[in-house]
Amino acid sequence: MAEGSDPGLCITSGRDVKNTIVQFDIKAQNEVLNKKMAYALAKDENLFLTEYGGTGDGIIGALSAVGLTAGGNNGRFIEFGKIREFMGYLKAGELETNGMNAISETLTPIPSGDIINTMNWVRPRLYNGTPTLMVEKKDGCWESIDRKKR
């Protein structure tokens, strides 16, 4: 465990997530919540929630992450399908074949034949319940908005 980390874990099947969990996440984005609140809600909703060190406050983020995902419009994928294999340039259709969408910063879908420069870093966001790569037009092709800072 990294120095100063407060890891927590929340496990549920996607079908079991109720609006109360989504509301917990929204609340956590705007005010400071505590472990007692997280444990009480997890117990009420029959979710597995546990802390693994530090202060244990990581369970608040773990429970919130479930709410983010269930809400369908927040979160970023660091692992999904082949995202770590996409290097260089690819057609938007290759993302579609692998369960992702590509949309512009104006939320316009990118045509399947358009070229995207992955810059060797594909990390889609959750948008409308689907992993979605947000892109912007740059130098004649599309580039990910969420690119790795080098």
N, C-alpha and C. Protein backbone atom coordinates (compact mmCIF):
# COMPACT_ATOMS: atom_id res chain seq x y z
N MET A 1 0.85 -1.17 0.00
CA MET A 1 0.00 0.00 0.00
C MET A 1 0.90 1.24 0.00
N ALA A 2 0.55 2.19 -0.82
CA ALA A 2 1.34 3.42 -0.92
C ALA A 2 1.16 4.28 0.33
N GLU A 3 2.24 4.94 0.71
CA GLU A 3 2.22 5.84 1.86
C GLU A 3 1.09 6.86 1.70
N GLY A 4 0.28 7.00 2.73
CA GLY A 4 -0.79 8.00 2.72
C GLY A 4 -2.06 7.58 2.00
N SER A 5 -2.08 6.37 1.43
CA SER A 5 -3.29 5.95 0.71
C SER A 5 -4.33 5.40 1.68
N ASP A 6 -5.57 5.49 1.28
CA ASP A 6 -6.70 5.00 2.07
C ASP A 6 -7.59 4.14 1.18
N PRO A 7 -7.11 2.97 0.76
CA PRO A 7 -7.88 2.18 -0.20
C PRO A 7 -9.19 1.63 0.38
N GLY A 8 -10.18 1.60 -0.48
CA GLY A 8 -11.47 1.03 -0.14
C GLY A 8 -12.01 0.28 -1.33
N LEU A 9 -12.94 -0.63 -1.09
CA LEU A 9 -13.51 -1.44 -2.17
C LEU A 9 -15.01 -1.57 -1.97
N CYS A 10 -15.76 -1.37 -3.04
CA CYS A 10 -17.21 -1.57 -3.04
C CYS A 10 -17.53 -2.48 -4.21
N ILE A 11 -18.28 -3.55 -3.94
CA ILE A 11 -18.63 -4.51 -4.99
C ILE A 11 -20.14 -4.68 -5.02
N THR A 12 -20.67 -4.65 -6.23
CA THR A 12 -22.09 -4.88 -6.47
C THR A 12 -22.28 -5.34 -7.90
N SER A 13 -23.39 -5.98 -8.17
CA SER A 13 -23.71 -6.22 -9.58
C SER A 13 -24.40 -4.95 -10.07
N GLY A 14 -24.21 -4.60 -11.30
CA GLY A 14 -24.78 -3.37 -11.84
C GLY A 14 -26.28 -3.27 -11.68
N ARG A 15 -26.94 -4.39 -11.63
CA ARG A 15 -28.40 -4.39 -11.52
C ARG A 15 -28.88 -3.98 -10.13
N ASP A 16 -28.02 -4.08 -9.14
CA ASP A 16 -28.42 -3.81 -7.77
C ASP A 16 -28.27 -2.35 -7.34
N VAL A 17 -27.70 -1.51 -8.19
CA VAL A 17 -27.41 -0.14 -7.80
C VAL A 17 -28.67 0.71 -7.87
N LYS A 18 -29.03 1.25 -6.74
CA LYS A 18 -30.23 2.08 -6.66
C LYS A 18 -29.87 3.55 -6.72
N ASN A 19 -30.88 4.37 -6.92
CA ASN A 19 -30.68 5.81 -7.01
C ASN A 19 -30.04 6.39 -5.76
N THR A 20 -30.23 5.75 -4.62
CA THR A 20 -29.63 6.27 -3.39
C THR A 20 -28.10 6.29 -3.48
N ILE A 21 -27.54 5.33 -4.21
CA ILE A 21 -26.08 5.28 -4.39
C ILE A 21 -25.63 6.41 -5.32
N VAL A 22 -26.38 6.63 -6.39
CA VAL A 22 -26.07 7.73 -7.30
C VAL A 22 -26.16 9.06 -6.56
N GLN A 23 -27.18 9.21 -5.72
CA GLN A 23 -27.34 10.44 -4.94
C GLN A 23 -26.19 10.63 -3.94
N PHE A 24 -25.71 9.53 -3.37
CA PHE A 24 -24.55 9.60 -2.47
C PHE A 24 -23.35 10.17 -3.21
N ASP A 25 -23.14 9.70 -4.43
CA ASP A 25 -22.03 10.20 -5.24
C ASP A 25 -22.18 11.69 -5.51
N ILE A 26 -23.35 12.12 -5.90
CA ILE A 26 -23.58 13.54 -6.18
C ILE A 26 -23.31 14.37 -4.93
N LYS A 27 -23.78 13.87 -3.80
CA LYS A 27 -23.56 14.57 -2.53
C LYS A 27 -22.06 14.63 -2.21
N ALA A 28 -21.35 13.53 -2.46
CA ALA A 28 -19.92 13.48 -2.15
C ALA A 28 -19.11 14.45 -3.02
N GLN A 29 -19.63 14.80 -4.18
CA GLN A 29 -18.93 15.76 -5.04
C GLN A 29 -19.08 17.19 -4.53
N ASN A 30 -20.01 17.41 -3.61
CA ASN A 30 -20.30 18.77 -3.16
C ASN A 30 -20.09 19.01 -1.68
N GLU A 31 -19.93 17.95 -0.91
CA GLU A 31 -19.71 18.13 0.52
C GLU A 31 -18.89 16.97 1.07
N VAL A 32 -18.33 17.17 2.25
CA VAL A 32 -17.51 16.14 2.87
C VAL A 32 -18.42 15.13 3.57
N LEU A 33 -18.26 13.86 3.19
CA LEU A 33 -19.03 12.78 3.81
C LEU A 33 -18.08 11.97 4.68
N ASN A 34 -18.64 11.08 5.49
CA ASN A 34 -17.78 10.28 6.37
C ASN A 34 -18.04 8.79 6.20
N LYS A 35 -17.15 7.99 6.79
CA LYS A 35 -17.24 6.54 6.68
C LYS A 35 -18.56 6.00 7.24
N LYS A 36 -19.01 6.57 8.34
CA LYS A 36 -20.24 6.10 8.96
C LYS A 36 -21.41 6.18 7.97
N MET A 37 -21.47 7.27 7.23
CA MET A 37 -22.53 7.44 6.23
C MET A 37 -22.41 6.39 5.12
N ALA A 38 -21.17 6.16 4.68
CA ALA A 38 -20.94 5.20 3.60
C ALA A 38 -21.31 3.78 4.05
N TYR A 39 -20.86 3.40 5.24
CA TYR A 39 -21.19 2.06 5.74
C TYR A 39 -22.70 1.88 5.94
N ALA A 40 -23.38 2.90 6.44
CA ALA A 40 -24.82 2.80 6.66
C ALA A 40 -25.56 2.59 5.34
N LEU A 41 -25.19 3.36 4.32
CA LEU A 41 -25.85 3.23 3.02
C LEU A 41 -25.54 1.87 2.39
N ALA A 42 -24.28 1.44 2.47
CA ALA A 42 -23.91 0.14 1.91
C ALA A 42 -24.70 -0.98 2.59
N LYS A 43 -24.87 -0.88 3.89
CA LYS A 43 -25.65 -1.89 4.62
C LYS A 43 -27.11 -1.86 4.17
N ASP A 44 -27.69 -0.66 4.09
CA ASP A 44 -29.09 -0.52 3.66
C ASP A 44 -29.32 -1.09 2.26
N GLU A 45 -28.33 -0.92 1.39
CA GLU A 45 -28.47 -1.36 -0.01
C GLU A 45 -27.84 -2.72 -0.27
N ASN A 46 -27.36 -3.37 0.78
CA ASN A 46 -26.77 -4.70 0.68
C ASN A 46 -25.58 -4.75 -0.29
N LEU A 47 -24.66 -3.79 -0.14
CA LEU A 47 -23.45 -3.74 -0.95
C LEU A 47 -22.26 -4.17 -0.11
N PHE A 48 -21.29 -4.80 -0.74
CA PHE A 48 -20.04 -5.15 -0.08
C PHE A 48 -19.17 -3.89 -0.06
N LEU A 49 -18.76 -3.45 1.13
CA LEU A 49 -17.92 -2.26 1.28
C LEU A 49 -16.90 -2.53 2.37
N THR A 50 -15.63 -2.36 2.04
CA THR A 50 -14.59 -2.62 3.03
C THR A 50 -13.39 -1.70 2.82
N GLU A 51 -12.70 -1.43 3.92
CA GLU A 51 -11.50 -0.58 3.87
C GLU A 51 -10.27 -1.46 3.99
N TYR A 52 -9.17 -0.98 3.43
CA TYR A 52 -7.94 -1.77 3.40
C TYR A 52 -6.72 -1.05 3.94
N GLY A 53 -6.91 -0.05 4.77
CA GLY A 53 -5.75 0.60 5.36
C GLY A 53 -5.92 2.10 5.48
N GLY A 54 -4.89 2.72 6.01
CA GLY A 54 -4.92 4.16 6.21
C GLY A 54 -6.07 4.53 7.13
N THR A 55 -6.72 5.61 6.83
CA THR A 55 -7.87 6.05 7.63
C THR A 55 -9.13 5.27 7.30
N GLY A 56 -9.11 4.58 6.15
CA GLY A 56 -10.30 3.86 5.70
C GLY A 56 -11.27 4.74 4.94
N ASP A 57 -10.95 6.02 4.83
CA ASP A 57 -11.85 6.94 4.13
C ASP A 57 -12.01 6.61 2.65
N GLY A 58 -11.17 5.74 2.13
CA GLY A 58 -11.28 5.33 0.73
C GLY A 58 -12.60 4.66 0.40
N ILE A 59 -13.30 4.18 1.42
CA ILE A 59 -14.60 3.55 1.15
C ILE A 59 -15.61 4.58 0.64
N ILE A 60 -15.43 5.84 1.01
CA ILE A 60 -16.33 6.89 0.53
C ILE A 60 -16.18 7.01 -0.98
N GLY A 61 -14.94 7.05 -1.45
CA GLY A 61 -14.68 7.11 -2.89
C GLY A 61 -15.10 5.84 -3.61
N ALA A 62 -14.90 4.70 -2.96
CA ALA A 62 -15.28 3.43 -3.59
C ALA A 62 -16.79 3.37 -3.80
N LEU A 63 -17.55 3.76 -2.78
CA LEU A 63 -19.01 3.76 -2.91
C LEU A 63 -19.44 4.81 -3.93
N SER A 64 -18.79 5.96 -3.92
CA SER A 64 -19.11 7.01 -4.90
C SER A 64 -18.83 6.56 -6.32
N ALA A 65 -17.76 5.81 -6.52
CA ALA A 65 -17.42 5.31 -7.85
C ALA A 65 -18.52 4.41 -8.40
N VAL A 66 -19.14 3.63 -7.54
CA VAL A 66 -20.26 2.79 -7.97
C VAL A 66 -21.41 3.69 -8.43
N GLY A 67 -21.66 4.76 -7.68
CA GLY A 67 -22.71 5.71 -8.08
C GLY A 67 -22.39 6.40 -9.39
N LEU A 68 -21.12 6.78 -9.58
CA LEU A 68 -20.70 7.41 -10.83
C LEU A 68 -21.00 6.50 -12.02
N THR A 69 -20.59 5.26 -11.89
CA THR A 69 -20.76 4.31 -12.98
C THR A 69 -22.24 4.03 -13.23
N ALA A 70 -23.00 3.85 -12.18
CA ALA A 70 -24.43 3.56 -12.33
C ALA A 70 -25.17 4.73 -12.96
N GLY A 71 -24.70 5.96 -12.70
CA GLY A 71 -25.32 7.14 -13.30
C GLY A 71 -25.12 7.20 -14.80
N GLY A 72 -24.09 6.52 -15.31
CA GLY A 72 -23.88 6.38 -16.75
C GLY A 72 -23.18 7.53 -17.44
N ASN A 73 -22.80 8.57 -16.72
CA ASN A 73 -22.20 9.73 -17.39
C ASN A 73 -20.99 10.28 -16.68
N ASN A 74 -20.31 9.47 -15.94
CA ASN A 74 -19.15 9.98 -15.23
C ASN A 74 -18.18 8.84 -14.97
N GLY A 75 -16.92 9.13 -15.06
CA GLY A 75 -15.90 8.13 -14.83
C GLY A 75 -15.03 7.96 -16.06
N ARG A 76 -13.85 7.42 -15.85
CA ARG A 76 -12.90 7.22 -16.93
C ARG A 76 -12.38 5.79 -16.84
N PHE A 77 -12.23 5.16 -17.98
CA PHE A 77 -11.75 3.79 -18.04
C PHE A 77 -10.23 3.77 -18.15
N ILE A 78 -9.60 3.06 -17.23
CA ILE A 78 -8.16 2.85 -17.36
C ILE A 78 -7.88 1.45 -17.90
N GLU A 79 -8.88 0.61 -17.84
CA GLU A 79 -8.84 -0.73 -18.44
C GLU A 79 -10.19 -0.97 -19.10
N PHE A 80 -10.17 -1.33 -20.36
CA PHE A 80 -11.38 -1.70 -21.07
C PHE A 80 -10.96 -2.31 -22.39
N GLY A 81 -11.36 -3.54 -22.62
CA GLY A 81 -11.05 -4.18 -23.89
C GLY A 81 -9.59 -4.02 -24.28
N LYS A 82 -9.37 -3.49 -25.48
CA LYS A 82 -8.02 -3.37 -26.04
C LYS A 82 -7.44 -1.96 -25.94
N ILE A 83 -7.95 -1.10 -25.04
CA ILE A 83 -7.50 0.29 -25.06
C ILE A 83 -6.00 0.46 -24.91
N ARG A 84 -5.35 -0.45 -24.24
CA ARG A 84 -3.90 -0.32 -24.07
C ARG A 84 -3.13 -0.83 -25.29
N GLU A 85 -3.84 -1.44 -26.22
CA GLU A 85 -3.20 -1.93 -27.45
C GLU A 85 -3.31 -0.93 -28.60
N PHE A 86 -4.19 0.05 -28.49
CA PHE A 86 -4.36 1.03 -29.56
C PHE A 86 -3.18 1.99 -29.59
N MET A 87 -2.42 1.94 -30.67
CA MET A 87 -1.25 2.80 -30.82
C MET A 87 -1.36 3.57 -32.13
N GLY A 88 -0.80 4.76 -32.15
CA GLY A 88 -0.75 5.54 -33.38
C GLY A 88 -2.13 5.95 -33.87
N TYR A 89 -2.36 5.76 -35.16
CA TYR A 89 -3.60 6.19 -35.80
C TYR A 89 -4.54 5.00 -35.99
N LEU A 90 -5.83 5.27 -35.88
CA LEU A 90 -6.84 4.25 -36.16
C LEU A 90 -8.10 4.94 -36.65
N LYS A 91 -8.97 4.14 -37.26
CA LYS A 91 -10.26 4.66 -37.71
C LYS A 91 -11.24 4.60 -36.53
N ALA A 92 -12.14 5.56 -36.49
CA ALA A 92 -13.14 5.60 -35.42
C ALA A 92 -13.92 4.29 -35.36
N GLY A 93 -14.10 3.65 -36.50
CA GLY A 93 -14.81 2.37 -36.55
C GLY A 93 -14.14 1.28 -35.74
N GLU A 94 -12.82 1.36 -35.58
CA GLU A 94 -12.11 0.37 -34.76
C GLU A 94 -12.52 0.49 -33.29
N LEU A 95 -12.78 1.70 -32.86
CA LEU A 95 -13.28 1.88 -31.49
C LEU A 95 -14.66 1.26 -31.37
N GLU A 96 -15.52 1.51 -32.36
CA GLU A 96 -16.88 0.96 -32.35
C GLU A 96 -16.86 -0.56 -32.30
N THR A 97 -15.97 -1.16 -33.08
CA THR A 97 -15.83 -2.62 -33.09
C THR A 97 -15.47 -3.15 -31.71
N ASN A 98 -14.81 -2.31 -30.92
CA ASN A 98 -14.37 -2.70 -29.58
C ASN A 98 -15.24 -2.13 -28.47
N GLY A 99 -16.50 -1.78 -28.81
CA GLY A 99 -17.47 -1.38 -27.79
C GLY A 99 -17.41 0.05 -27.32
N MET A 100 -16.73 0.92 -28.09
CA MET A 100 -16.61 2.33 -27.70
C MET A 100 -17.17 3.24 -28.78
N ASN A 101 -17.49 4.45 -28.39
CA ASN A 101 -17.87 5.50 -29.32
C ASN A 101 -16.78 6.55 -29.32
N ALA A 102 -16.77 7.38 -30.36
CA ALA A 102 -15.92 8.57 -30.39
C ALA A 102 -16.83 9.75 -30.71
N ILE A 103 -16.74 10.80 -29.89
CA ILE A 103 -17.54 12.00 -30.14
C ILE A 103 -16.67 13.24 -29.99
N SER A 104 -17.08 14.29 -30.69
CA SER A 104 -16.33 15.54 -30.63
C SER A 104 -16.68 16.30 -29.36
N GLU A 105 -15.95 17.38 -29.12
CA GLU A 105 -16.20 18.20 -27.94
C GLU A 105 -17.59 18.84 -27.98
N THR A 106 -18.23 18.85 -29.18
CA THR A 106 -19.61 19.34 -29.29
C THR A 106 -20.61 18.19 -29.20
N LEU A 107 -20.14 17.02 -28.81
CA LEU A 107 -20.95 15.81 -28.62
C LEU A 107 -21.49 15.23 -29.92
N THR A 108 -20.81 15.52 -31.03
CA THR A 108 -21.19 14.99 -32.33
C THR A 108 -20.45 13.68 -32.57
N PRO A 109 -21.16 12.62 -32.97
CA PRO A 109 -20.48 11.35 -33.25
C PRO A 109 -19.47 11.50 -34.39
N ILE A 110 -18.35 10.81 -34.28
CA ILE A 110 -17.30 10.83 -35.30
C ILE A 110 -17.60 9.71 -36.30
N PRO A 111 -17.62 10.02 -37.61
CA PRO A 111 -17.88 8.99 -38.62
C PRO A 111 -16.86 7.84 -38.53
N SER A 112 -17.33 6.64 -38.80
CA SER A 112 -16.50 5.43 -38.68
C SER A 112 -15.20 5.49 -39.46
N GLY A 113 -15.19 6.17 -40.59
CA GLY A 113 -14.00 6.22 -41.42
C GLY A 113 -13.01 7.30 -41.05
N ASP A 114 -13.38 8.20 -40.15
CA ASP A 114 -12.47 9.28 -39.75
C ASP A 114 -11.29 8.73 -38.95
N ILE A 115 -10.15 9.39 -39.11
CA ILE A 115 -8.91 8.96 -38.46
C ILE A 115 -8.74 9.66 -37.11
N ILE A 116 -8.33 8.87 -36.12
CA ILE A 116 -8.05 9.39 -34.78
C ILE A 116 -6.59 9.09 -34.45
N ASN A 117 -5.87 10.10 -34.02
CA ASN A 117 -4.50 9.92 -33.53
C ASN A 117 -4.62 9.58 -32.05
N THR A 118 -4.31 8.34 -31.69
CA THR A 118 -4.45 7.92 -30.29
C THR A 118 -3.36 8.50 -29.41
N MET A 119 -2.26 8.92 -30.04
CA MET A 119 -1.10 9.39 -29.28
C MET A 119 -0.69 8.32 -28.25
N ASN A 120 -1.01 7.06 -28.60
CA ASN A 120 -0.68 5.90 -27.76
C ASN A 120 -1.31 5.96 -26.38
N TRP A 121 -2.48 6.61 -26.28
CA TRP A 121 -3.13 6.78 -24.98
C TRP A 121 -4.64 6.88 -25.20
N VAL A 122 -5.35 5.78 -25.04
CA VAL A 122 -6.81 5.77 -25.19
C VAL A 122 -7.42 5.50 -23.83
N ARG A 123 -8.12 6.50 -23.29
CA ARG A 123 -8.79 6.37 -22.00
C ARG A 123 -10.19 6.97 -22.14
N PRO A 124 -11.15 6.15 -22.57
CA PRO A 124 -12.51 6.67 -22.76
C PRO A 124 -13.19 7.05 -21.45
N ARG A 125 -14.15 7.93 -21.57
CA ARG A 125 -15.01 8.33 -20.45
C ARG A 125 -16.31 7.54 -20.56
N LEU A 126 -17.03 7.47 -19.47
CA LEU A 126 -18.37 6.89 -19.50
C LEU A 126 -19.34 8.01 -19.88
N TYR A 127 -20.01 7.84 -21.01
CA TYR A 127 -20.97 8.84 -21.50
C TYR A 127 -22.20 8.11 -22.03
N ASN A 128 -23.35 8.46 -21.51
CA ASN A 128 -24.61 7.78 -21.87
C ASN A 128 -24.49 6.26 -21.73
N GLY A 129 -23.79 5.83 -20.70
CA GLY A 129 -23.67 4.41 -20.41
C GLY A 129 -22.69 3.65 -21.28
N THR A 130 -21.93 4.35 -22.13
CA THR A 130 -21.02 3.70 -23.06
C THR A 130 -19.62 4.29 -22.95
N PRO A 131 -18.58 3.46 -23.00
CA PRO A 131 -17.22 4.01 -23.04
C PRO A 131 -17.08 4.88 -24.29
N THR A 132 -16.69 6.13 -24.09
CA THR A 132 -16.66 7.10 -25.18
C THR A 132 -15.37 7.90 -25.16
N LEU A 133 -14.70 7.93 -26.31
CA LEU A 133 -13.49 8.72 -26.44
C LEU A 133 -13.88 10.11 -26.94
N MET A 134 -13.58 11.11 -26.14
CA MET A 134 -13.85 12.50 -26.51
C MET A 134 -12.66 13.00 -27.33
N VAL A 135 -12.95 13.55 -28.53
CA VAL A 135 -11.88 13.97 -29.42
C VAL A 135 -12.09 15.40 -29.92
N GLU A 136 -11.00 15.99 -30.40
CA GLU A 136 -11.05 17.32 -31.01
C GLU A 136 -10.25 17.28 -32.30
N LYS A 137 -10.67 18.11 -33.26
CA LYS A 137 -9.98 18.16 -34.55
C LYS A 137 -8.66 18.92 -34.39
N LYS A 138 -7.58 18.29 -34.87
CA LYS A 138 -6.26 18.90 -34.74
C LYS A 138 -5.38 18.40 -35.89
N ASP A 139 -4.80 19.31 -36.62
CA ASP A 139 -3.88 18.97 -37.72
C ASP A 139 -4.48 17.96 -38.70
N GLY A 140 -5.75 18.14 -39.06
CA GLY A 140 -6.37 17.31 -40.08
C GLY A 140 -6.92 15.97 -39.62
N CYS A 141 -6.77 15.64 -38.35
CA CYS A 141 -7.38 14.41 -37.84
C CYS A 141 -7.88 14.68 -36.43
N TRP A 142 -8.46 13.66 -35.85
CA TRP A 142 -8.99 13.79 -34.49
C TRP A 142 -7.93 13.36 -33.49
N GLU A 143 -7.92 14.01 -32.32
CA GLU A 143 -7.06 13.61 -31.21
C GLU A 143 -7.89 13.56 -29.94
N SER A 144 -7.51 12.67 -29.05
CA SER A 144 -8.21 12.54 -27.78
C SER A 144 -8.05 13.81 -26.96
N ILE A 145 -9.14 14.25 -26.37
CA ILE A 145 -9.09 15.40 -25.45
C ILE A 145 -8.41 14.97 -24.15
N ASP A 146 -8.67 13.74 -23.74
CA ASP A 146 -8.10 13.20 -22.50
C ASP A 146 -6.79 12.49 -22.79
N ARG A 147 -5.80 13.22 -23.21
CA ARG A 147 -4.52 12.58 -23.54
C ARG A 147 -3.55 12.69 -22.37
N LYS A 148 -2.64 11.76 -22.36
CA LYS A 148 -1.65 11.72 -21.28
C LYS A 148 -0.77 12.96 -21.33
N LYS A 149 -0.59 13.55 -20.18
CA LYS A 149 0.29 14.72 -20.09
C LYS A 149 1.72 14.23 -20.08
N ARG A 150 2.52 14.70 -21.01
CA ARG A 150 3.91 14.25 -21.11
C ARG A 150 4.85 15.36 -20.76
